[in-house]
């Protein structure tokens, strides 16, 4: 278990032991091996231009050294594949992502993945059909303290998961969804329901702010008071603790 540093390009001796000697991002696999289970990879400030990527170090925390200053960016929609069949307890913390979705269904364990303190945005509208900007299926995915600015001209749900132990807490979802083909929250399976607490959903398309089966179903499975109000130019759903 160790703390390892990484940067868009290599720094100093590039051995990952400090900010001044950070690995290049291209050496992520080496950084994961050095960090080990329970370790942390700290991403220095800067833009990491990527395509589809995989972060699957067992028990590793991937963290922006300074909040939202490590920017994971793609020119068109790409995927961060998180975890694999043998990795669990992966934490993604503090990043600013642009045009990146989160694919978590391959991860193992309970919890599989925690997404924390993220700033997530689409620079261009999603035009392809995907089941979920956050695609967890039956895996436990806990999301907290994050803001999502998402655009859909077509496509499917924002969150697609169905593990009753999953928690989404203190998050704001700003959804431009004139062409959203499905629900903001789509449950995977008929019985499991993630727990949403103190979240705000704001959309320019009121049809987007409901779960599979409609808003009534979402309310029924929250076990807490839901306030639903229509605002000028926006629809807002408040889910207080």
Protein backbone atom coordinates (compact mmCIF):
# COMPACT_ATOMS: atom_id res chain seq x y z
CA UNK A 1 0.00 0.00 0.00
CA UNK A 2 1.51 3.31 -1.09
CA UNK A 3 0.73 6.80 -2.37
CA UNK A 4 1.81 7.27 -5.97
CA UNK A 5 1.80 10.45 -8.09
CA UNK A 6 0.87 10.70 -11.74
CA UNK A 7 0.74 13.58 -14.24
CA UNK A 8 -0.27 14.15 -17.87
CA UNK A 9 3.45 13.95 -18.74
CA UNK A 10 6.39 12.61 -16.74
CA UNK A 11 7.94 14.81 -14.08
CA UNK A 12 11.55 14.66 -12.87
CA UNK A 13 12.78 11.10 -12.45
CA UNK A 14 9.27 9.80 -13.22
CA UNK A 15 9.25 7.18 -10.46
CA UNK A 16 5.92 8.25 -8.96
CA UNK A 17 7.30 8.95 -5.50
CA UNK A 18 6.40 12.66 -5.34
CA UNK A 19 4.76 15.49 -7.26
CA UNK A 20 8.16 16.49 -8.61
CA UNK A 21 8.79 12.93 -9.84
CA UNK A 22 5.33 11.90 -11.01
CA UNK A 23 4.76 9.10 -13.46
CA UNK A 24 3.36 9.99 -16.87
CA UNK A 25 -0.28 8.95 -17.23
CA UNK A 26 0.87 6.45 -19.86
CA UNK A 27 2.50 4.55 -16.95
CA UNK A 28 -0.80 4.09 -15.09
CA UNK A 29 -0.43 0.30 -14.92
CA UNK A 30 2.91 0.70 -13.18
CA UNK A 31 1.40 3.25 -10.81
CA UNK A 32 -1.40 0.82 -9.96
CA UNK A 33 1.12 -1.91 -9.18
CA UNK A 34 3.12 0.45 -6.97
CA UNK A 35 0.04 1.68 -5.10
CA UNK A 36 -1.34 -1.77 -4.37
CA UNK A 37 -4.59 -2.59 -2.59
CA UNK A 38 -5.46 0.18 -0.15
CA UNK A 39 -3.12 2.62 -1.91
CA UNK A 40 -3.80 5.95 -3.58
CA UNK A 41 -2.88 7.36 -6.97
CA UNK A 42 -2.85 11.16 -6.87
CA UNK A 43 -3.38 12.91 -10.19
CA UNK A 44 -1.56 16.22 -10.57
CA UNK A 45 -3.32 19.25 -12.03
CA UNK A 46 -3.74 19.30 -15.78
CA UNK A 47 -5.75 17.84 -18.63
CA UNK A 48 -5.53 14.11 -19.32
CA UNK A 49 -6.67 13.66 -22.91
CA UNK A 50 -7.98 10.12 -23.20
CA UNK A 51 -10.15 7.76 -25.19
CA UNK A 52 -11.79 4.74 -23.51
CA UNK A 53 -9.83 3.96 -20.36
CA UNK A 54 -9.80 1.37 -17.58
CA UNK A 55 -9.21 1.98 -13.88
CA UNK A 56 -9.39 -1.39 -12.17
CA UNK A 57 -6.78 -1.52 -9.42
CA UNK A 58 -8.17 -3.60 -6.55
CA UNK A 59 -8.82 -1.41 -3.52
CA UNK A 60 -7.14 1.63 -5.09
CA UNK A 61 -8.27 5.24 -4.68
CA UNK A 62 -7.85 7.33 -7.82
CA UNK A 63 -7.88 10.95 -6.65
CA UNK A 64 -7.36 14.43 -8.03
CA UNK A 65 -4.60 16.02 -5.94
CA UNK A 66 -6.52 19.31 -5.99
CA UNK A 67 -10.30 19.23 -6.27
CA UNK A 68 -11.45 19.29 -9.91
CA UNK A 69 -7.99 20.32 -11.17
CA UNK A 70 -7.20 16.95 -12.72
CA UNK A 71 -9.38 16.96 -15.85
CA UNK A 72 -10.14 13.69 -17.59
CA UNK A 73 -11.25 14.75 -21.06
CA UNK A 74 -12.27 13.28 -24.41
CA UNK A 75 -13.29 15.08 -27.59
CA UNK A 76 -16.33 12.81 -27.99
CA UNK A 77 -18.17 10.56 -25.55
CA UNK A 78 -15.88 7.91 -24.08
CA UNK A 79 -15.99 5.51 -21.14
CA UNK A 80 -14.11 5.04 -17.89
CA UNK A 81 -14.33 1.29 -17.27
CA UNK A 82 -14.04 0.85 -13.53
CA UNK A 83 -13.13 -2.48 -11.97
CA UNK A 84 -13.06 -6.09 -13.12
CA UNK A 85 -14.24 -9.46 -11.83
CA UNK A 86 -11.57 -9.56 -9.11
CA UNK A 87 -11.35 -5.90 -8.07
CA UNK A 88 -13.47 -4.19 -5.42
CA UNK A 89 -13.58 -1.11 -3.19
CA UNK A 90 -12.37 1.25 -5.92
CA UNK A 91 -12.75 4.96 -5.16
CA UNK A 92 -12.83 7.72 -7.81
CA UNK A 93 -12.49 11.08 -6.06
CA UNK A 94 -12.39 14.76 -6.99
CA UNK A 95 -12.00 14.71 -10.77
CA UNK A 96 -13.45 17.02 -13.40
CA UNK A 97 -14.51 14.83 -16.31
CA UNK A 98 -15.55 15.97 -19.78
CA UNK A 99 -17.44 13.66 -22.16
CA UNK A 100 -16.78 10.62 -19.97
CA UNK A 101 -19.35 8.08 -18.78
CA UNK A 102 -18.80 5.54 -16.01
CA UNK A 103 -19.11 1.80 -16.68
CA UNK A 104 -19.10 -0.09 -13.41
CA UNK A 105 -20.94 -3.34 -14.10
CA UNK A 106 -17.73 -5.41 -14.33
CA UNK A 107 -16.56 -4.55 -10.81
CA UNK A 108 -16.82 -7.06 -7.98
CA UNK A 109 -17.41 -6.81 -4.25
CA UNK A 110 -19.55 -4.76 -1.89
CA UNK A 111 -19.25 -1.92 -2.43
CA UNK A 112 -17.85 -2.22 -5.91
CA UNK A 113 -17.13 1.46 -6.55
CA UNK A 114 -17.50 4.84 -4.84
CA UNK A 115 -17.71 8.00 -6.98
CA UNK A 116 -17.01 11.08 -4.84
CA UNK A 117 -16.77 14.85 -5.29
CA UNK A 118 -16.88 14.75 -9.08
CA UNK A 119 -17.64 17.50 -11.57
CA UNK A 120 -19.03 15.70 -14.60
CA UNK A 121 -20.03 17.40 -17.83
CA UNK A 122 -20.83 16.74 -21.45
CA UNK A 123 -19.35 19.30 -23.81
CA UNK A 124 -21.57 18.11 -26.64
CA UNK A 125 -24.92 16.35 -26.56
CA UNK A 126 -25.02 12.60 -26.25
CA UNK A 127 -26.28 11.26 -29.57
CA UNK A 128 -25.81 7.51 -29.08
CA UNK A 129 -27.97 5.20 -27.02
CA UNK A 130 -26.33 4.07 -23.81
CA UNK A 131 -27.97 2.48 -20.80
CA UNK A 132 -26.78 4.97 -18.27
CA UNK A 133 -24.24 7.71 -17.92
CA UNK A 134 -23.48 5.79 -14.73
CA UNK A 135 -23.97 2.16 -15.66
CA UNK A 136 -23.90 -0.03 -12.59
CA UNK A 137 -26.56 -2.70 -13.25
CA UNK A 138 -26.63 -4.90 -10.13
CA UNK A 139 -23.33 -3.66 -8.66
CA UNK A 140 -23.19 -1.48 -5.57
CA UNK A 141 -22.14 1.99 -6.70
CA UNK A 142 -22.14 4.79 -4.11
CA UNK A 143 -22.14 8.36 -5.47
CA UNK A 144 -21.70 11.43 -3.28
CA UNK A 145 -20.95 15.14 -3.36
CA UNK A 146 -20.97 15.37 -7.15
CA UNK A 147 -22.41 17.64 -9.84
CA UNK A 148 -23.48 16.35 -13.23
CA UNK A 149 -24.07 18.68 -16.20
CA UNK A 150 -25.37 16.39 -18.91
CA UNK A 151 -26.73 16.89 -22.41
CA UNK A 152 -28.86 14.44 -24.36
CA UNK A 153 -30.15 14.80 -27.90
CA UNK A 154 -30.90 11.08 -27.79
CA UNK A 155 -29.87 8.30 -25.50
CA UNK A 156 -30.99 6.53 -22.39
CA UNK A 157 -30.92 6.98 -18.65
CA UNK A 158 -28.58 9.07 -16.53
CA UNK A 159 -28.30 6.40 -13.82
CA UNK A 160 -28.89 2.73 -14.57
CA UNK A 161 -28.42 0.57 -11.51
CA UNK A 162 -30.40 -1.71 -9.28
CA UNK A 163 -28.50 -2.60 -6.13
CA UNK A 164 -30.53 -1.80 -3.01
CA UNK A 165 -27.33 -1.05 -1.08
CA UNK A 166 -26.29 1.70 -3.52
CA UNK A 167 -26.55 5.25 -2.19
CA UNK A 168 -26.62 8.52 -4.13
CA UNK A 169 -26.10 11.37 -1.69
CA UNK A 170 -25.72 15.16 -1.94
CA UNK A 171 -25.62 15.27 -5.74
CA UNK A 172 -26.99 17.72 -8.29
CA UNK A 173 -28.04 16.61 -11.77
CA UNK A 174 -28.50 19.35 -14.40
CA UNK A 175 -29.99 17.57 -17.39
CA UNK A 176 -30.54 19.08 -20.82
CA UNK A 177 -32.78 16.36 -22.13
CA UNK A 178 -34.91 17.43 -25.06
CA UNK A 179 -34.23 14.07 -26.69
CA UNK A 180 -33.82 11.79 -23.66
CA UNK A 181 -35.16 8.43 -24.79
CA UNK A 182 -35.70 7.04 -21.32
CA UNK A 183 -35.84 7.98 -17.65
CA UNK A 184 -33.41 9.97 -15.57
CA UNK A 185 -33.28 7.07 -13.14
CA UNK A 186 -33.72 3.63 -14.66
CA UNK A 187 -33.81 0.73 -12.27
CA UNK A 188 -32.08 -2.51 -13.23
CA UNK A 189 -34.50 -5.24 -12.20
CA UNK A 190 -37.91 -4.98 -10.62
CA UNK A 191 -37.09 -5.22 -6.91
CA UNK A 192 -33.74 -3.55 -6.11
CA UNK A 193 -33.83 0.21 -5.54
CA UNK A 194 -30.83 2.47 -4.88
CA UNK A 195 -31.28 5.00 -2.09
CA UNK A 196 -31.29 8.68 -3.20
CA UNK A 197 -30.78 11.25 -0.44
CA UNK A 198 -30.49 15.04 -0.62
CA UNK A 199 -30.24 15.11 -4.41
CA UNK A 200 -31.50 17.71 -6.86
CA UNK A 201 -32.58 16.90 -10.42
CA UNK A 202 -33.06 19.90 -12.73
CA UNK A 203 -34.14 19.45 -16.32
CA UNK A 204 -35.54 21.36 -19.29
CA UNK A 205 -37.69 18.29 -20.00
CA UNK A 206 -40.11 17.35 -17.23
CA UNK A 207 -40.52 13.89 -18.72
CA UNK A 208 -36.88 13.17 -17.90
CA UNK A 209 -37.34 13.56 -14.15
CA UNK A 210 -38.78 10.24 -13.18
CA UNK A 211 -37.76 6.66 -12.74
CA UNK A 212 -38.78 3.60 -14.68
CA UNK A 213 -42.43 3.22 -13.77
CA UNK A 214 -42.82 6.95 -13.17
CA UNK A 215 -42.27 9.42 -10.36
CA UNK A 216 -44.70 7.60 -8.08
CA UNK A 217 -42.49 4.53 -8.18
CA UNK A 218 -39.42 6.59 -7.35
CA UNK A 219 -41.21 8.13 -4.38
CA UNK A 220 -42.47 4.79 -3.17
CA UNK A 221 -39.00 3.30 -2.92
CA UNK A 222 -37.18 6.23 -1.33
CA UNK A 223 -38.50 5.87 2.22
CA UNK A 224 -38.32 9.63 2.66
CA UNK A 225 -40.25 12.76 1.72
CA UNK A 226 -39.96 13.86 -1.90
CA UNK A 227 -40.80 17.43 -2.95
CA UNK A 228 -41.56 17.89 -6.64
CA UNK A 229 -41.95 21.42 -7.95
CA UNK A 230 -42.28 22.96 -11.39
CA UNK A 231 -40.02 25.97 -11.86
CA UNK A 232 -39.96 28.41 -14.73
CA UNK A 233 -37.95 26.77 -17.54
CA UNK A 234 -36.96 23.93 -15.20
CA UNK A 235 -38.32 20.92 -13.43
CA UNK A 236 -36.77 20.26 -10.07
CA UNK A 237 -37.00 17.22 -7.85
CA UNK A 238 -35.68 17.61 -4.33
CA UNK A 239 -34.86 14.50 -2.36
CA UNK A 240 -34.07 15.65 1.19
CA UNK A 241 -32.51 13.51 3.88
